[in-house]
Amino acid sequence: QVDMVESGGGLVRPGDSLRLSCAASRYTLEAYTMAWFRQAPGKEREFVAGIPRITGGPEYGNSVKGRFTISKDSAKNTLDLEMKSLMPDDTAIYYCAATFRAYGSKSSEYTLWGQGTQVTVSS
């Protein structure tokens, strides 16, 4: 079991940047395929970005390509999400997730979840 806690959410204006972090308390995140998902009110959970545990580079959802960057910090045992040029449509609860699968972009493929952090983009 991996206990994961997200942080870094908040209220920002359109065009601002924000950095989210997901910290694991008991196991190393390097052993897992990791991803960020988000869920806006009334909408399904959406894949934002992911890093496979074995091979391959990061993947991004179409709506965030070129604006968001996902990374793992092995020293801190965290999964980070750098978000730039934020837009009102980015408003959602952001979740980090982990799986032993080689890769996945569907929420059903992930078995371990944090509790989420709220990101609100509003002028």
C-alpha atoms as a PDB file:
ATOM      1  CA  GLN A   1       0.000   0.000   0.000  1.00  0.00           C
ATOM      2  CA  VAL A   2       1.259   3.477  -0.861  1.00  0.00           C
ATOM      3  CA  ASP A   3      -0.001   6.453   1.045  1.00  0.00           C
ATOM      4  CA  MET A   4       0.095   9.461  -1.237  1.00  0.00           C
ATOM      5  CA  VAL A   5      -0.650  13.063  -0.393  1.00  0.00           C
ATOM      6  CA  GLU A   6      -1.036  15.827  -2.947  1.00  0.00           C
ATOM      7  CA  SER A   7      -0.157  19.445  -2.250  1.00  0.00           C
ATOM      8  CA  GLY A   8       0.277  22.739  -4.076  1.00  0.00           C
ATOM      9  CA  GLY A   9      -3.260  23.447  -5.194  1.00  0.00           C
ATOM     10  CA  GLY A  10      -4.889  26.820  -4.832  1.00  0.00           C
ATOM     11  CA  LEU A  11      -6.676  29.737  -6.455  1.00  0.00           C
ATOM     12  CA  VAL A  12      -4.830  31.378  -9.335  1.00  0.00           C
ATOM     13  CA  ARG A  13      -5.630  33.723 -12.203  1.00  0.00           C
ATOM     14  CA  PRO A  14      -5.692  32.758 -15.891  1.00  0.00           C
ATOM     15  CA  GLY A  15      -2.165  32.673 -17.272  1.00  0.00           C
ATOM     16  CA  ASP A  16      -0.581  31.907 -13.898  1.00  0.00           C
ATOM     17  CA  SER A  17       1.568  28.901 -13.052  1.00  0.00           C
ATOM     18  CA  LEU A  18       1.254  26.348 -10.274  1.00  0.00           C
ATOM     19  CA  ARG A  19       3.266  23.341  -9.159  1.00  0.00           C
ATOM     20  CA  LEU A  20       1.616  20.300  -7.637  1.00  0.00           C
ATOM     21  CA  SER A  21       3.455  17.647  -5.703  1.00  0.00           C
ATOM     22  CA  CYS A  22       2.513  14.138  -4.623  1.00  0.00           C
ATOM     23  CA  ALA A  23       4.480  12.633  -1.754  1.00  0.00           C
ATOM     24  CA  ALA A  24       4.553   8.958  -0.868  1.00  0.00           C
ATOM     25  CA  SER A  25       5.116   8.026   2.730  1.00  0.00           C
ATOM     26  CA  ARG A  26       5.988   4.359   2.733  1.00  0.00           C
ATOM     27  CA  TYR A  27       7.262   3.151  -0.639  1.00  0.00           C
ATOM     28  CA  THR A  28       9.355   4.462  -3.476  1.00  0.00           C
ATOM     29  CA  LEU A  29       7.398   5.903  -6.359  1.00  0.00           C
ATOM     30  CA  GLU A  30      10.085   4.743  -8.775  1.00  0.00           C
ATOM     31  CA  ALA A  31       8.569   1.261  -8.602  1.00  0.00           C
ATOM     32  CA  TYR A  32       5.231   2.429 -10.002  1.00  0.00           C
ATOM     33  CA  THR A  33       3.782   3.882 -13.134  1.00  0.00           C
ATOM     34  CA  MET A  34       2.566   7.267 -11.930  1.00  0.00           C
ATOM     35  CA  ALA A  35       0.013   9.686 -13.260  1.00  0.00           C
ATOM     36  CA  TRP A  36      -1.971  12.813 -12.575  1.00  0.00           C
ATOM     37  CA  PHE A  37      -5.702  12.845 -13.187  1.00  0.00           C
ATOM     38  CA  ARG A  38      -8.215  15.612 -12.640  1.00  0.00           C
ATOM     39  CA  GLN A  39     -11.932  15.798 -12.140  1.00  0.00           C
ATOM     40  CA  ALA A  40     -14.090  18.856 -12.601  1.00  0.00           C
ATOM     41  CA  PRO A  41     -17.613  19.085 -11.151  1.00  0.00           C
ATOM     42  CA  GLY A  42     -20.046  17.045 -13.197  1.00  0.00           C
ATOM     43  CA  LYS A  43     -17.321  15.581 -15.391  1.00  0.00           C
ATOM     44  CA  GLU A  44     -15.508  12.265 -15.552  1.00  0.00           C
ATOM     45  CA  ARG A  45     -12.007  11.858 -14.205  1.00  0.00           C
ATOM     46  CA  GLU A  46      -9.565  12.888 -16.917  1.00  0.00           C
ATOM     47  CA  PHE A  47      -6.011  11.752 -17.595  1.00  0.00           C
ATOM     48  CA  VAL A  48      -3.602  14.689 -17.336  1.00  0.00           C
ATOM     49  CA  ALA A  49      -0.120  13.174 -17.537  1.00  0.00           C
ATOM     50  CA  GLY A  50       1.733   9.971 -16.770  1.00  0.00           C
ATOM     51  CA  ILE A  51       5.203   8.472 -16.420  1.00  0.00           C
ATOM     52  CA  PRO A  52       5.679   4.723 -17.056  1.00  0.00           C
ATOM     53  CA  ARG A  53       7.639   2.766 -14.492  1.00  0.00           C
ATOM     54  CA  ILE A  54       9.909   0.904 -16.893  1.00  0.00           C
ATOM     55  CA  THR A  55      10.440   2.443 -20.304  1.00  0.00           C
ATOM     56  CA  GLY A  56       9.122   5.332 -22.319  1.00  0.00           C
ATOM     57  CA  GLY A  57       8.772   9.004 -21.733  1.00  0.00           C
ATOM     58  CA  PRO A  58       5.951  10.967 -20.175  1.00  0.00           C
ATOM     59  CA  GLU A  59       2.589  11.227 -21.890  1.00  0.00           C
ATOM     60  CA  TYR A  60       0.088  14.069 -21.683  1.00  0.00           C
ATOM     61  CA  GLY A  61      -3.574  14.584 -22.245  1.00  0.00           C
ATOM     62  CA  ASN A  62      -4.346  16.670 -25.321  1.00  0.00           C
ATOM     63  CA  SER A  63      -5.744  19.554 -23.306  1.00  0.00           C
ATOM     64  CA  VAL A  64      -2.502  20.105 -21.370  1.00  0.00           C
ATOM     65  CA  LYS A  65       0.207  19.314 -23.920  1.00  0.00           C
ATOM     66  CA  GLY A  66       2.791  22.058 -24.084  1.00  0.00           C
ATOM     67  CA  ARG A  67       1.599  23.633 -20.826  1.00  0.00           C
ATOM     68  CA  PHE A  68       2.077  20.946 -18.165  1.00  0.00           C
ATOM     69  CA  THR A  69       5.187  18.966 -17.272  1.00  0.00           C
ATOM     70  CA  ILE A  70       5.199  15.817 -15.141  1.00  0.00           C
ATOM     71  CA  SER A  71       8.313  14.626 -13.364  1.00  0.00           C
ATOM     72  CA  LYS A  72       9.508  12.311 -10.629  1.00  0.00           C
ATOM     73  CA  ASP A  73      11.938  13.467  -7.963  1.00  0.00           C
ATOM     74  CA  SER A  74      13.691  10.324  -6.748  1.00  0.00           C
ATOM     75  CA  ALA A  75      15.516  12.088  -3.942  1.00  0.00           C
ATOM     76  CA  LYS A  76      12.302  13.465  -2.475  1.00  0.00           C
ATOM     77  CA  ASN A  77      10.176  10.478  -3.541  1.00  0.00           C
ATOM     78  CA  THR A  78       7.622  12.788  -5.105  1.00  0.00           C
ATOM     79  CA  LEU A  79       5.654  13.097  -8.308  1.00  0.00           C
ATOM     80  CA  ASP A  80       5.381  16.669  -9.507  1.00  0.00           C
ATOM     81  CA  LEU A  81       3.233  18.508 -12.015  1.00  0.00           C
ATOM     82  CA  GLU A  82       4.360  21.886 -13.274  1.00  0.00           C
ATOM     83  CA  MET A  83       1.392  23.765 -14.751  1.00  0.00           C
ATOM     84  CA  LYS A  84       1.797  26.885 -16.855  1.00  0.00           C
ATOM     85  CA  SER A  85      -0.582  29.144 -18.749  1.00  0.00           C
ATOM     86  CA  LEU A  86      -3.454  27.975 -16.609  1.00  0.00           C
ATOM     87  CA  MET A  87      -6.960  28.451 -17.937  1.00  0.00           C
ATOM     88  CA  PRO A  88     -10.387  28.352 -16.270  1.00  0.00           C
ATOM     89  CA  ASP A  89     -10.964  24.934 -17.886  1.00  0.00           C
ATOM     90  CA  ASP A  90      -8.073  23.600 -15.802  1.00  0.00           C
ATOM     91  CA  THR A  91     -10.181  24.071 -12.682  1.00  0.00           C
ATOM     92  CA  ALA A  92     -10.574  20.670 -11.036  1.00  0.00           C
ATOM     93  CA  ILE A  93      -9.481  18.431  -8.214  1.00  0.00           C
ATOM     94  CA  TYR A  94      -6.123  16.973  -9.165  1.00  0.00           C
ATOM     95  CA  TYR A  95      -5.221  13.446  -8.078  1.00  0.00           C
ATOM     96  CA  CYS A  96      -1.995  11.497  -8.229  1.00  0.00           C
ATOM     97  CA  ALA A  97      -2.304   7.802  -8.924  1.00  0.00           C
ATOM     98  CA  ALA A  98      -0.065   4.750  -9.035  1.00  0.00           C
ATOM     99  CA  THR A  99      -0.168   1.345 -10.677  1.00  0.00           C
ATOM    100  CA  PHE A 100       2.127  -1.600 -11.298  1.00  0.00           C
ATOM    101  CA  ARG A 101       0.982  -1.725 -14.913  1.00  0.00           C
ATOM    102  CA  ALA A 102       3.595  -0.851 -17.504  1.00  0.00           C
ATOM    103  CA  TYR A 103       1.485   2.133 -18.476  1.00  0.00           C
ATOM    104  CA  GLY A 104      -2.073   3.388 -18.428  1.00  0.00           C
ATOM    105  CA  SER A 105      -4.144   6.450 -19.214  1.00  0.00           C
ATOM    106  CA  LYS A 106      -7.475   5.250 -17.843  1.00  0.00           C
ATOM    107  CA  SER A 107      -8.411   5.819 -14.232  1.00  0.00           C
ATOM    108  CA  SER A 108      -9.594   2.195 -13.987  1.00  0.00           C
ATOM    109  CA  GLU A 109      -6.006   1.053 -14.584  1.00  0.00           C
ATOM    110  CA  TYR A 110      -4.768   2.732 -11.411  1.00  0.00           C
ATOM    111  CA  THR A 111      -5.241   1.146  -8.020  1.00  0.00           C
ATOM    112  CA  LEU A 112      -3.637   3.655  -5.655  1.00  0.00           C
ATOM    113  CA  TRP A 113      -4.906   7.208  -5.280  1.00  0.00           C
ATOM    114  CA  GLY A 114      -4.265  10.299  -3.270  1.00  0.00           C
ATOM    115  CA  GLN A 115      -7.126  12.357  -1.853  1.00  0.00           C
ATOM    116  CA  GLY A 116      -6.670  15.199  -4.311  1.00  0.00           C
ATOM    117  CA  THR A 117      -5.853  18.879  -4.263  1.00  0.00           C
ATOM    118  CA  GLN A 118      -8.130  21.624  -5.573  1.00  0.00           C
ATOM    119  CA  VAL A 119      -6.941  23.879  -8.370  1.00  0.00           C
ATOM    120  CA  THR A 120      -9.156  26.833  -9.220  1.00  0.00           C
ATOM    121  CA  VAL A 121      -8.366  29.172 -12.101  1.00  0.00           C
ATOM    122  CA  SER A 122     -10.472  32.296 -12.038  1.00  0.00           C
ATOM    123  CA  SER A 123     -10.144  35.996 -12.669  1.00  0.00           C
END
